[in-house]
Amino acid sequence: MAPIPTSLSGLRVMVGNLGTTWLSDVISAAAAVVLLVLLVVAFAAPTPAFHVGSALAFVATTAWVYALPAAGLTLVMATGRMDLSGASVAALGAAIAAKLAVVGIPLLIGFVAAGAVATIVGAVNGLLASISRPASFVLTLATAAICEAIAALVLGSRPVPLRTDDLGLTPLLVPGILLAILGCALAVIALLSPGGAWLRRVGTMRDGPRLHWLVVTMVVAYTASALLAAGGGVLELARTGAAFPGVSVQAELVVILVALLGGASLRGGRGAGYGAIVASLPAAALLYGLAVAPAGGVGPLAVVAAAVVFAVLLDELRARLLPDPR
């Protein structure tokens, strides 16, 4: 197994990896902007109920809900592994924050509590993902089910609404978006740093680093992913004003869609984070369009699933056409 590079030459190898993924990230971000425009035009033209102003307002608030966990997922996917527990961790974080808010604890303190639980979940995911790349798919799906069950126990069978004053949800939503911007910025900085280059190098190693470095790397990546997912859950709580029992499959699919469209790869070794933030914009526009103009009885879930299939095929095409990051 390869050791972690400690020499200056080793550091140059890791940072050089960023250059090989740069083109992929820039193309992904630019394509996401074009896709946003195309979606707005495609929905606005035939659908009178689709108002551009309302759509942009929805995108401005909802995109961050998916940008946070997608940025975290990019950290994990850079290592060549997968985290399927993002939406469930988000739901658990929202459940914890909502229950605390009901008894008068501020939402920000609720996020700290949710973050503490997410840290534990992320560390466990990291330890489990250290077993192998294929195991990360199955084992994080198992932890997702556990998180969903705990969230159901916390909330019960009914949604838990937040108490609001005359200003509504604005005093909760604005600070939440600012914190989401901070969280996404930190994720991008991490992915652009030598630490992010190390994650991408791990994702392209055939044998992987030494076991102790592998475990540390996985625990750090998955913990960061879980924290960002919990932040997305609390932000969704601030946006909707209630925490709901159960986890939508669609939510997890949207997170994966945003990460893939943003430059992350199932093969590992790619992704700088900022593409996922940009890709969250067309994803939010798609959700708004499907809400006001249902896709002819097909259903939003089927459309989102088809979009994920397209994103996976695009990922494979991108891997074949663009330079190999190894």
C-alpha atoms as a PDB file:
ATOM      1  CA  MET A   1       0.000   0.000   0.000  1.00  0.00           C
ATOM      2  CA  ALA A   2       1.171   3.525  -0.721  1.00  0.00           C
ATOM      3  CA  PRO A   3       2.220   5.710   2.209  1.00  0.00           C
ATOM      4  CA  ILE A   4       0.992   9.255   2.597  1.00  0.00           C
ATOM      5  CA  PRO A   5       3.456  11.572   0.851  1.00  0.00           C
ATOM      6  CA  THR A   6       5.547  13.632   3.239  1.00  0.00           C
ATOM      7  CA  SER A   7       8.199  15.045   0.912  1.00  0.00           C
ATOM      8  CA  LEU A   8       7.911  18.157  -1.202  1.00  0.00           C
ATOM      9  CA  SER A   9       7.842  16.028  -4.344  1.00  0.00           C
ATOM     10  CA  GLY A  10       4.957  13.994  -2.917  1.00  0.00           C
ATOM     11  CA  LEU A  11       3.068  17.185  -2.149  1.00  0.00           C
ATOM     12  CA  ARG A  12       3.598  18.334  -5.727  1.00  0.00           C
ATOM     13  CA  VAL A  13       2.124  15.073  -6.972  1.00  0.00           C
ATOM     14  CA  MET A  14      -0.985  15.615  -4.858  1.00  0.00           C
ATOM     15  CA  VAL A  15      -1.448  19.253  -5.861  1.00  0.00           C
ATOM     16  CA  GLY A  16      -0.783  18.326  -9.480  1.00  0.00           C
ATOM     17  CA  ASN A  17      -3.863  16.131  -9.281  1.00  0.00           C
ATOM     18  CA  LEU A  18      -5.931  19.313  -8.949  1.00  0.00           C
ATOM     19  CA  GLY A  19      -4.756  20.384 -12.393  1.00  0.00           C
ATOM     20  CA  THR A  20      -6.083  17.218 -13.997  1.00  0.00           C
ATOM     21  CA  THR A  21      -9.563  17.709 -12.508  1.00  0.00           C
ATOM     22  CA  TRP A  22      -9.696  21.455 -13.178  1.00  0.00           C
ATOM     23  CA  LEU A  23     -11.052  21.119 -16.720  1.00  0.00           C
ATOM     24  CA  SER A  24     -13.754  18.698 -15.579  1.00  0.00           C
ATOM     25  CA  ASP A  25     -14.874  21.042 -12.799  1.00  0.00           C
ATOM     26  CA  VAL A  26     -15.008  24.127 -15.001  1.00  0.00           C
ATOM     27  CA  ILE A  27     -16.944  22.332 -17.738  1.00  0.00           C
ATOM     28  CA  SER A  28     -19.373  20.907 -15.162  1.00  0.00           C
ATOM     29  CA  ALA A  29     -20.017  24.316 -13.583  1.00  0.00           C
ATOM     30  CA  ALA A  30     -20.526  25.988 -16.973  1.00  0.00           C
ATOM     31  CA  ALA A  31     -22.859  23.212 -18.107  1.00  0.00           C
ATOM     32  CA  ALA A  32     -24.896  23.623 -14.897  1.00  0.00           C
ATOM     33  CA  VAL A  33     -25.419  27.329 -15.645  1.00  0.00           C
ATOM     34  CA  VAL A  34     -26.582  26.507 -19.176  1.00  0.00           C
ATOM     35  CA  LEU A  35     -28.879  23.806 -17.804  1.00  0.00           C
ATOM     36  CA  LEU A  36     -30.432  26.290 -15.368  1.00  0.00           C
ATOM     37  CA  VAL A  37     -31.311  28.650 -18.216  1.00  0.00           C
ATOM     38  CA  LEU A  38     -32.678  25.817 -20.354  1.00  0.00           C
ATOM     39  CA  LEU A  39     -34.866  24.512 -17.531  1.00  0.00           C
ATOM     40  CA  VAL A  40     -36.329  27.933 -16.773  1.00  0.00           C
ATOM     41  CA  VAL A  41     -37.134  28.486 -20.447  1.00  0.00           C
ATOM     42  CA  ALA A  42     -38.487  24.950 -20.900  1.00  0.00           C
ATOM     43  CA  PHE A  43     -40.863  25.234 -17.960  1.00  0.00           C
ATOM     44  CA  ALA A  44     -41.840  28.904 -18.394  1.00  0.00           C
ATOM     45  CA  ALA A  45     -42.829  28.677 -22.067  1.00  0.00           C
ATOM     46  CA  PRO A  46     -45.640  26.071 -21.895  1.00  0.00           C
ATOM     47  CA  THR A  47     -46.669  26.463 -18.246  1.00  0.00           C
ATOM     48  CA  PRO A  48     -48.613  29.591 -17.187  1.00  0.00           C
ATOM     49  CA  ALA A  49     -48.252  28.585 -13.531  1.00  0.00           C
ATOM     50  CA  PHE A  50     -44.469  28.789 -13.822  1.00  0.00           C
ATOM     51  CA  HIS A  51     -43.479  32.305 -12.736  1.00  0.00           C
ATOM     52  CA  VAL A  52     -39.828  33.134 -13.300  1.00  0.00           C
ATOM     53  CA  GLY A  53     -39.668  35.408 -10.261  1.00  0.00           C
ATOM     54  CA  SER A  54     -41.126  32.771  -7.964  1.00  0.00           C
ATOM     55  CA  ALA A  55     -38.870  30.140  -9.503  1.00  0.00           C
ATOM     56  CA  LEU A  56     -35.737  32.191  -8.871  1.00  0.00           C
ATOM     57  CA  ALA A  57     -36.807  32.885  -5.281  1.00  0.00           C
ATOM     58  CA  PHE A  58     -37.362  29.160  -4.761  1.00  0.00           C
ATOM     59  CA  VAL A  59     -33.978  28.368  -6.294  1.00  0.00           C
ATOM     60  CA  ALA A  60     -32.207  30.978  -4.150  1.00  0.00           C
ATOM     61  CA  THR A  61     -33.434  29.347  -0.935  1.00  0.00           C
ATOM     62  CA  THR A  62     -33.759  25.678  -1.851  1.00  0.00           C
ATOM     63  CA  ALA A  63     -30.503  25.249  -3.758  1.00  0.00           C
ATOM     64  CA  TRP A  64     -28.466  25.563  -0.554  1.00  0.00           C
ATOM     65  CA  VAL A  65     -30.425  22.702   1.004  1.00  0.00           C
ATOM     66  CA  TYR A  66     -28.916  20.422  -1.644  1.00  0.00           C
ATOM     67  CA  ALA A  67     -25.616  22.242  -2.135  1.00  0.00           C
ATOM     68  CA  LEU A  68     -24.520  21.465   1.433  1.00  0.00           C
ATOM     69  CA  PRO A  69     -24.918  17.663   1.351  1.00  0.00           C
ATOM     70  CA  ALA A  70     -23.743  17.542  -2.283  1.00  0.00           C
ATOM     71  CA  ALA A  71     -20.530  19.352  -1.348  1.00  0.00           C
ATOM     72  CA  GLY A  72     -20.075  16.831   1.456  1.00  0.00           C
ATOM     73  CA  LEU A  73     -20.757  13.961  -0.920  1.00  0.00           C
ATOM     74  CA  THR A  74     -18.120  15.372  -3.271  1.00  0.00           C
ATOM     75  CA  LEU A  75     -15.579  15.052  -0.460  1.00  0.00           C
ATOM     76  CA  VAL A  76     -16.471  11.372  -0.121  1.00  0.00           C
ATOM     77  CA  MET A  77     -16.708  10.617  -3.844  1.00  0.00           C
ATOM     78  CA  ALA A  78     -13.272  12.131  -4.380  1.00  0.00           C
ATOM     79  CA  THR A  79     -11.932   9.122  -2.454  1.00  0.00           C
ATOM     80  CA  GLY A  80     -13.729   6.707  -4.796  1.00  0.00           C
ATOM     81  CA  ARG A  81     -16.399   5.824  -2.252  1.00  0.00           C
ATOM     82  CA  MET A  82     -20.091   6.655  -1.793  1.00  0.00           C
ATOM     83  CA  ASP A  83     -22.298   7.967   1.002  1.00  0.00           C
ATOM     84  CA  LEU A  84     -25.988   7.090   0.645  1.00  0.00           C
ATOM     85  CA  SER A  85     -26.930   8.358   4.105  1.00  0.00           C
ATOM     86  CA  GLY A  86     -26.919  12.089   3.328  1.00  0.00           C
ATOM     87  CA  ALA A  87     -30.690  12.627   3.130  1.00  0.00           C
ATOM     88  CA  SER A  88     -31.288  10.466   6.219  1.00  0.00           C
ATOM     89  CA  VAL A  89     -28.664  12.352   8.245  1.00  0.00           C
ATOM     90  CA  ALA A  90     -30.309  15.597   7.090  1.00  0.00           C
ATOM     91  CA  ALA A  91     -33.709  14.329   8.246  1.00  0.00           C
ATOM     92  CA  LEU A  92     -32.267  13.263  11.605  1.00  0.00           C
ATOM     93  CA  GLY A  93     -30.603  16.642  12.055  1.00  0.00           C
ATOM     94  CA  ALA A  94     -33.871  18.423  11.271  1.00  0.00           C
ATOM     95  CA  ALA A  95     -35.745  16.176  13.705  1.00  0.00           C
ATOM     96  CA  ILE A  96     -33.333  16.909  16.542  1.00  0.00           C
ATOM     97  CA  ALA A  97     -33.327  20.664  15.885  1.00  0.00           C
ATOM     98  CA  ALA A  98     -37.140  20.758  15.603  1.00  0.00           C
ATOM     99  CA  LYS A  99     -37.674  18.891  18.870  1.00  0.00           C
ATOM    100  CA  LEU A 100     -35.312  21.239  20.680  1.00  0.00           C
ATOM    101  CA  ALA A 101     -36.955  24.288  19.077  1.00  0.00           C
ATOM    102  CA  VAL A 102     -40.353  23.188  20.388  1.00  0.00           C
ATOM    103  CA  VAL A 103     -39.080  23.529  23.968  1.00  0.00           C
ATOM    104  CA  GLY A 104     -37.622  26.964  23.252  1.00  0.00           C
ATOM    105  CA  ILE A 105     -34.025  26.166  22.299  1.00  0.00           C
ATOM    106  CA  PRO A 106     -32.810  28.380  19.412  1.00  0.00           C
ATOM    107  CA  LEU A 107     -32.373  26.707  16.050  1.00  0.00           C
ATOM    108  CA  LEU A 108     -28.658  27.515  16.013  1.00  0.00           C
ATOM    109  CA  ILE A 109     -28.168  25.540  19.236  1.00  0.00           C
ATOM    110  CA  GLY A 110     -30.292  22.815  17.711  1.00  0.00           C
ATOM    111  CA  PHE A 111     -27.888  22.668  14.800  1.00  0.00           C
ATOM    112  CA  VAL A 112     -24.986  22.196  17.217  1.00  0.00           C
ATOM    113  CA  ALA A 113     -26.801  19.211  18.742  1.00  0.00           C
ATOM    114  CA  ALA A 114     -27.622  17.856  15.284  1.00  0.00           C
ATOM    115  CA  GLY A 115     -23.999  18.350  14.269  1.00  0.00           C
ATOM    116  CA  ALA A 116     -22.797  16.372  17.282  1.00  0.00           C
ATOM    117  CA  VAL A 117     -24.999  13.429  16.291  1.00  0.00           C
ATOM    118  CA  ALA A 118     -23.945  13.784  12.651  1.00  0.00           C
ATOM    119  CA  THR A 119     -20.291  13.640  13.726  1.00  0.00           C
ATOM    120  CA  ILE A 120     -20.900  10.242  15.311  1.00  0.00           C
ATOM    121  CA  VAL A 121     -22.746   8.973  12.238  1.00  0.00           C
ATOM    122  CA  GLY A 122     -20.020  10.268   9.944  1.00  0.00           C
ATOM    123  CA  ALA A 123     -17.254   8.665  11.982  1.00  0.00           C
ATOM    124  CA  VAL A 124     -19.066   5.323  11.917  1.00  0.00           C
ATOM    125  CA  ASN A 125     -19.593   5.654   8.155  1.00  0.00           C
ATOM    126  CA  GLY A 126     -15.912   6.417   7.706  1.00  0.00           C
ATOM    127  CA  LEU A 127     -14.851   3.347   9.667  1.00  0.00           C
ATOM    128  CA  LEU A 128     -17.232   1.155   7.687  1.00  0.00           C
ATOM    129  CA  ALA A 129     -16.191   2.649   4.341  1.00  0.00           C
ATOM    130  CA  SER A 130     -12.570   1.817   5.143  1.00  0.00           C
ATOM    131  CA  ILE A 131     -13.426  -1.836   4.499  1.00  0.00           C
ATOM    132  CA  SER A 132     -13.695  -1.378   0.737  1.00  0.00           C
ATOM    133  CA  ARG A 133     -15.187   0.841  -1.951  1.00  0.00           C
ATOM    134  CA  PRO A 134     -18.122  -1.467  -2.772  1.00  0.00           C
ATOM    135  CA  ALA A 135     -18.870  -1.869   0.954  1.00  0.00           C
ATOM    136  CA  SER A 136     -19.351   1.899   1.283  1.00  0.00           C
ATOM    137  CA  PHE A 137     -22.505   1.704  -0.870  1.00  0.00           C
ATOM    138  CA  VAL A 138     -24.206  -1.004   1.164  1.00  0.00           C
ATOM    139  CA  LEU A 139     -23.047   0.017   4.635  1.00  0.00           C
ATOM    140  CA  THR A 140     -23.964   3.704   4.298  1.00  0.00           C
ATOM    141  CA  LEU A 141     -27.366   2.599   3.022  1.00  0.00           C
ATOM    142  CA  ALA A 142     -27.689   0.619   6.253  1.00  0.00           C
ATOM    143  CA  THR A 143     -26.732   3.615   8.400  1.00  0.00           C
ATOM    144  CA  ALA A 144     -29.247   5.661   6.394  1.00  0.00           C
ATOM    145  CA  ALA A 145     -31.987   3.264   7.477  1.00  0.00           C
ATOM    146  CA  ILE A 146     -30.855   3.523  11.097  1.00  0.00           C
ATOM    147  CA  CYS A 147     -30.847   7.339  10.961  1.00  0.00           C
ATOM    148  CA  GLU A 148     -34.311   7.315   9.418  1.00  0.00           C
ATOM    149  CA  ALA A 149     -35.599   5.042  12.181  1.00  0.00           C
ATOM    150  CA  ILE A 150     -34.125   7.285  14.891  1.00  0.00           C
ATOM    151  CA  ALA A 151     -35.634  10.375  13.251  1.00  0.00           C
ATOM    152  CA  ALA A 152     -39.036   8.672  13.256  1.00  0.00           C
ATOM    153  CA  LEU A 153     -38.654   7.931  16.963  1.00  0.00           C
ATOM    154  CA  VAL A 154     -37.712  11.540  17.684  1.00  0.00           C
ATOM    155  CA  LEU A 155     -40.607  13.058  15.735  1.00  0.00           C
ATOM    156  CA  GLY A 156     -43.317  10.451  16.117  1.00  0.00           C
ATOM    157  CA  SER A 157     -45.892   9.981  13.384  1.00  0.00           C
ATOM    158  CA  ARG A 158     -46.693  13.653  12.756  1.00  0.00           C
ATOM    159  CA  PRO A 159     -44.693  16.651  11.489  1.00  0.00           C
ATOM    160  CA  VAL A 160     -43.245  18.944  14.156  1.00  0.00           C
ATOM    161  CA  PRO A 161     -43.808  22.628  13.238  1.00  0.00           C
ATOM    162  CA  LEU A 162     -41.651  25.516  14.400  1.00  0.00           C
ATOM    163  CA  ARG A 163     -43.028  28.390  16.409  1.00  0.00           C
ATOM    164  CA  THR A 164     -42.843  31.658  14.482  1.00  0.00           C
ATOM    165  CA  ASP A 165     -43.642  35.304  15.150  1.00  0.00           C
ATOM    166  CA  ASP A 166     -45.033  38.024  12.878  1.00  0.00           C
ATOM    167  CA  LEU A 167     -41.915  37.890  10.683  1.00  0.00           C
ATOM    168  CA  GLY A 168     -42.526  34.246   9.851  1.00  0.00           C
ATOM    169  CA  LEU A 169     -39.558  32.098   8.907  1.00  0.00           C
ATOM    170  CA  THR A 170     -37.334  34.944   7.668  1.00  0.00           C
ATOM    171  CA  PRO A 171     -35.375  35.339  10.957  1.00  0.00           C
ATOM    172  CA  LEU A 172     -34.537  31.627  10.736  1.00  0.00           C
ATOM    173  CA  LEU A 173     -33.973  31.325   6.997  1.00  0.00           C
ATOM    174  CA  VAL A 174     -31.584  34.236   6.430  1.00  0.00           C
ATOM    175  CA  PRO A 175     -28.998  33.170   9.054  1.00  0.00           C
ATOM    176  CA  GLY A 176     -29.415  29.598   7.833  1.00  0.00           C
ATOM    177  CA  ILE A 177     -28.534  30.549   4.259  1.00  0.00           C
ATOM    178  CA  LEU A 178     -25.534  32.562   5.465  1.00  0.00           C
ATOM    179  CA  LEU A 179     -24.277  29.566   7.427  1.00  0.00           C
ATOM    180  CA  ALA A 180     -24.907  27.349   4.388  1.00  0.00           C
ATOM    181  CA  ILE A 181     -22.775  29.659   2.256  1.00  0.00           C
ATOM    182  CA  LEU A 182     -20.034  29.433   4.890  1.00  0.00           C
ATOM    183  CA  GLY A 183     -20.280  25.639   5.010  1.00  0.00           C
ATOM    184  CA  CYS A 184     -20.085  25.324   1.220  1.00  0.00           C
ATOM    185  CA  ALA A 185     -17.139  27.739   1.117  1.00  0.00           C
ATOM    186  CA  LEU A 186     -15.254  25.674   3.692  1.00  0.00           C
ATOM    187  CA  ALA A 187     -15.927  22.497   1.692  1.00  0.00           C
ATOM    188  CA  VAL A 188     -14.608  24.104  -1.499  1.00  0.00           C
ATOM    189  CA  ILE A 189     -11.523  25.434   0.316  1.00  0.00           C
ATOM    190  CA  ALA A 190     -10.880  21.956   1.698  1.00  0.00           C
ATOM    191  CA  LEU A 191     -11.193  20.378  -1.748  1.00  0.00           C
ATOM    192  CA  LEU A 192      -8.876  22.974  -3.310  1.00  0.00           C
ATOM    193  CA  SER A 193      -6.276  22.522  -0.566  1.00  0.00           C
ATOM    194  CA  PRO A 194      -3.553  19.852  -0.412  1.00  0.00           C
ATOM    195  CA  GLY A 195      -5.974  17.899   1.784  1.00  0.00           C
ATOM    196  CA  GLY A 196      -8.486  17.803  -1.055  1.00  0.00           C
ATOM    197  CA  ALA A 197      -5.735  16.745  -3.445  1.00  0.00           C
ATOM    198  CA  TRP A 198      -4.951  13.890  -1.046  1.00  0.00           C
ATOM    199  CA  LEU A 199      -8.606  12.783  -1.114  1.00  0.00           C
ATOM    200  CA  ARG A 200      -8.532  12.692  -4.908  1.00  0.00           C
ATOM    201  CA  ARG A 201      -5.240  10.814  -4.880  1.00  0.00           C
ATOM    202  CA  VAL A 202      -6.747   8.209  -2.557  1.00  0.00           C
ATOM    203  CA  GLY A 203      -9.597   7.899  -5.038  1.00  0.00           C
ATOM    204  CA  THR A 204      -7.206   6.998  -7.855  1.00  0.00           C
ATOM    205  CA  MET A 205      -4.903   4.617  -5.938  1.00  0.00           C
ATOM    206  CA  ARG A 206      -5.232   0.983  -6.957  1.00  0.00           C
ATOM    207  CA  ASP A 207      -4.196  -0.439  -3.599  1.00  0.00           C
ATOM    208  CA  GLY A 208      -4.958   2.547  -1.401  1.00  0.00           C
ATOM    209  CA  PRO A 209      -2.768   4.123   1.284  1.00  0.00           C
ATOM    210  CA  ARG A 210      -1.630   2.357   4.426  1.00  0.00           C
ATOM    211  CA  LEU A 211      -4.504   1.196   6.594  1.00  0.00           C
ATOM    212  CA  HIS A 212      -4.144   3.783   9.356  1.00  0.00           C
ATOM    213  CA  TRP A 213      -4.041   6.636   6.848  1.00  0.00           C
ATOM    214  CA  LEU A 214      -6.996   5.162   4.986  1.00  0.00           C
ATOM    215  CA  VAL A 215      -9.079   4.987   8.169  1.00  0.00           C
ATOM    216  CA  VAL A 216      -8.185   8.564   9.166  1.00  0.00           C
ATOM    217  CA  THR A 217      -8.959   9.834   5.661  1.00  0.00           C
ATOM    218  CA  MET A 218     -12.332   8.078   5.521  1.00  0.00           C
ATOM    219  CA  VAL A 219     -13.381   9.213   8.994  1.00  0.00           C
ATOM    220  CA  VAL A 220     -12.517  12.844   8.206  1.00  0.00           C
ATOM    221  CA  ALA A 221     -14.248  12.797   4.791  1.00  0.00           C
ATOM    222  CA  TYR A 222     -17.405  11.067   6.012  1.00  0.00           C
ATOM    223  CA  THR A 223     -17.638  13.195   9.160  1.00  0.00           C
ATOM    224  CA  ALA A 224     -17.433  16.370   7.086  1.00  0.00           C
ATOM    225  CA  SER A 225     -20.069  14.948   4.735  1.00  0.00           C
ATOM    226  CA  ALA A 226     -22.418  14.148   7.623  1.00  0.00           C
ATOM    227  CA  LEU A 227     -21.975  17.600   9.174  1.00  0.00           C
ATOM    228  CA  LEU A 228     -22.820  19.305   5.890  1.00  0.00           C
ATOM    229  CA  ALA A 229     -25.828  17.010   5.420  1.00  0.00           C
ATOM    230  CA  ALA A 230     -27.092  17.859   8.916  1.00  0.00           C
ATOM    231  CA  GLY A 231     -26.705  21.531   8.049  1.00  0.00           C
ATOM    232  CA  GLY A 232     -28.802  20.999   4.945  1.00  0.00           C
ATOM    233  CA  GLY A 233     -31.480  19.310   7.043  1.00  0.00           C
ATOM    234  CA  VAL A 234     -31.634  22.173   9.544  1.00  0.00           C
ATOM    235  CA  LEU A 235     -31.754  24.684   6.686  1.00  0.00           C
ATOM    236  CA  GLU A 236     -34.684  22.777   5.146  1.00  0.00           C
ATOM    237  CA  LEU A 237     -36.352  22.952   8.556  1.00  0.00           C
ATOM    238  CA  ALA A 238     -35.890  26.732   8.576  1.00  0.00           C
ATOM    239  CA  ARG A 239     -37.192  26.947   4.999  1.00  0.00           C
ATOM    240  CA  THR A 240     -40.348  24.864   5.440  1.00  0.00           C
ATOM    241  CA  GLY A 241     -41.035  25.570   9.101  1.00  0.00           C
ATOM    242  CA  ALA A 242     -41.540  21.907  10.035  1.00  0.00           C
ATOM    243  CA  ALA A 243     -39.678  18.606  10.358  1.00  0.00           C
ATOM    244  CA  PHE A 244     -41.342  15.613   8.738  1.00  0.00           C
ATOM    245  CA  PRO A 245     -41.071  11.933   9.659  1.00  0.00           C
ATOM    246  CA  GLY A 246     -39.653   9.717   6.954  1.00  0.00           C
ATOM    247  CA  VAL A 247     -37.024  10.344   4.304  1.00  0.00           C
ATOM    248  CA  SER A 248     -37.751  10.935   0.640  1.00  0.00           C
ATOM    249  CA  VAL A 249     -35.835   8.763  -1.833  1.00  0.00           C
ATOM    250  CA  GLN A 250     -36.068  11.729  -4.142  1.00  0.00           C
ATOM    251  CA  ALA A 251     -34.036  13.859  -1.724  1.00  0.00           C
ATOM    252  CA  GLU A 252     -31.101  11.434  -1.773  1.00  0.00           C
ATOM    253  CA  LEU A 253     -31.302  11.147  -5.553  1.00  0.00           C
ATOM    254  CA  VAL A 254     -31.178  14.935  -5.902  1.00  0.00           C
ATOM    255  CA  VAL A 255     -28.057  15.090  -3.713  1.00  0.00           C
ATOM    256  CA  ILE A 256     -26.350  12.461  -5.887  1.00  0.00           C
ATOM    257  CA  LEU A 257     -27.526  14.258  -9.039  1.00  0.00           C
ATOM    258  CA  VAL A 258     -26.062  17.575  -7.851  1.00  0.00           C
ATOM    259  CA  ALA A 259     -22.731  15.992  -6.906  1.00  0.00           C
ATOM    260  CA  LEU A 260     -22.390  14.227 -10.283  1.00  0.00           C
ATOM    261  CA  LEU A 261     -23.435  17.250 -12.330  1.00  0.00           C
ATOM    262  CA  GLY A 262     -21.007  19.309 -10.239  1.00  0.00           C
ATOM    263  CA  GLY A 263     -17.955  17.317 -11.300  1.00  0.00           C
ATOM    264  CA  ALA A 264     -17.729  14.461  -8.800  1.00  0.00           C
ATOM    265  CA  SER A 265     -17.183  11.008 -10.276  1.00  0.00           C
ATOM    266  CA  LEU A 266     -18.167   7.500  -9.248  1.00  0.00           C
ATOM    267  CA  ARG A 267     -14.653   6.514 -10.300  1.00  0.00           C
ATOM    268  CA  GLY A 268     -13.140   8.853  -7.698  1.00  0.00           C
ATOM    269  CA  GLY A 269     -10.321  11.344  -8.105  1.00  0.00           C
ATOM    270  CA  ARG A 270     -12.442  14.285  -9.261  1.00  0.00           C
ATOM    271  CA  GLY A 271     -14.411  17.163  -7.804  1.00  0.00           C
ATOM    272  CA  ALA A 272     -13.505  20.565  -6.367  1.00  0.00           C
ATOM    273  CA  GLY A 273     -16.868  21.337  -4.764  1.00  0.00           C
ATOM    274  CA  TYR A 274     -17.772  24.587  -6.466  1.00  0.00           C
ATOM    275  CA  GLY A 275     -19.358  22.697  -9.338  1.00  0.00           C
ATOM    276  CA  ALA A 276     -21.787  21.059  -6.920  1.00  0.00           C
ATOM    277  CA  ILE A 277     -22.826  24.465  -5.597  1.00  0.00           C
ATOM    278  CA  VAL A 278     -23.551  25.686  -9.125  1.00  0.00           C
ATOM    279  CA  ALA A 279     -25.289  22.415 -10.042  1.00  0.00           C
ATOM    280  CA  SER A 280     -27.681  22.823  -7.107  1.00  0.00           C
ATOM    281  CA  LEU A 281     -29.273  25.750  -8.975  1.00  0.00           C
ATOM    282  CA  PRO A 282     -30.677  23.776 -11.946  1.00  0.00           C
ATOM    283  CA  ALA A 283     -31.612  20.951  -9.571  1.00  0.00           C
ATOM    284  CA  ALA A 284     -33.738  23.353  -7.520  1.00  0.00           C
ATOM    285  CA  ALA A 285     -35.236  24.793 -10.719  1.00  0.00           C
ATOM    286  CA  LEU A 286     -36.145  21.270 -11.824  1.00  0.00           C
ATOM    287  CA  LEU A 287     -37.910  20.587  -8.518  1.00  0.00           C
ATOM    288  CA  TYR A 288     -39.853  23.838  -8.762  1.00  0.00           C
ATOM    289  CA  GLY A 289     -40.842  23.126 -12.358  1.00  0.00           C
ATOM    290  CA  LEU A 290     -42.024  19.621 -11.499  1.00  0.00           C
ATOM    291  CA  ALA A 291     -44.049  21.027  -8.590  1.00  0.00           C
ATOM    292  CA  VAL A 292     -45.978  23.535 -10.702  1.00  0.00           C
ATOM    293  CA  ALA A 293     -46.072  21.471 -13.914  1.00  0.00           C
ATOM    294  CA  PRO A 294     -46.216  17.730 -13.091  1.00  0.00           C
ATOM    295  CA  ALA A 295     -44.634  15.613 -15.798  1.00  0.00           C
ATOM    296  CA  GLY A 296     -47.755  14.125 -17.354  1.00  0.00           C
ATOM    297  CA  GLY A 297     -48.465  11.604 -14.625  1.00  0.00           C
ATOM    298  CA  VAL A 298     -44.877  10.286 -14.626  1.00  0.00           C
ATOM    299  CA  GLY A 299     -44.163  11.901 -11.272  1.00  0.00           C
ATOM    300  CA  PRO A 300     -41.239  13.990  -9.979  1.00  0.00           C
ATOM    301  CA  LEU A 301     -39.450  10.935  -8.552  1.00  0.00           C
ATOM    302  CA  ALA A 302     -39.294   9.228 -11.952  1.00  0.00           C
ATOM    303  CA  VAL A 303     -38.012  12.404 -13.589  1.00  0.00           C
ATOM    304  CA  VAL A 304     -35.318  12.877 -10.941  1.00  0.00           C
ATOM    305  CA  ALA A 305     -34.343   9.201 -11.241  1.00  0.00           C
ATOM    306  CA  ALA A 306     -34.025   9.576 -15.015  1.00  0.00           C
ATOM    307  CA  ALA A 307     -31.874  12.656 -14.454  1.00  0.00           C
ATOM    308  CA  VAL A 308     -29.568  10.637 -12.188  1.00  0.00           C
ATOM    309  CA  VAL A 309     -29.231   7.968 -14.896  1.00  0.00           C
ATOM    310  CA  PHE A 310     -28.285  10.713 -17.336  1.00  0.00           C
ATOM    311  CA  ALA A 311     -25.753  12.124 -14.858  1.00  0.00           C
ATOM    312  CA  VAL A 312     -24.121   8.705 -14.393  1.00  0.00           C
ATOM    313  CA  LEU A 313     -23.823   8.261 -18.166  1.00  0.00           C
ATOM    314  CA  LEU A 314     -22.407  11.771 -18.389  1.00  0.00           C
ATOM    315  CA  ASP A 315     -19.886  10.883 -15.688  1.00  0.00           C
ATOM    316  CA  GLU A 316     -18.732   7.874 -17.707  1.00  0.00           C
ATOM    317  CA  LEU A 317     -18.467   9.964 -20.874  1.00  0.00           C
ATOM    318  CA  ARG A 318     -16.527  12.649 -18.996  1.00  0.00           C
ATOM    319  CA  ALA A 319     -14.141  10.026 -17.598  1.00  0.00           C
ATOM    320  CA  ARG A 320     -13.420   8.705 -21.097  1.00  0.00           C
ATOM    321  CA  LEU A 321     -13.000  12.071 -22.832  1.00  0.00           C
ATOM    322  CA  LEU A 322     -11.142  14.096 -20.205  1.00  0.00           C
ATOM    323  CA  PRO A 323      -7.625  13.385 -18.912  1.00  0.00           C
ATOM    324  CA  ASP A 324      -7.313  10.608 -16.339  1.00  0.00           C
ATOM    325  CA  PRO A 325      -6.520  12.215 -12.949  1.00  0.00           C
ATOM    326  CA  ARG A 326      -4.045   9.438 -12.059  1.00  0.00           C
END
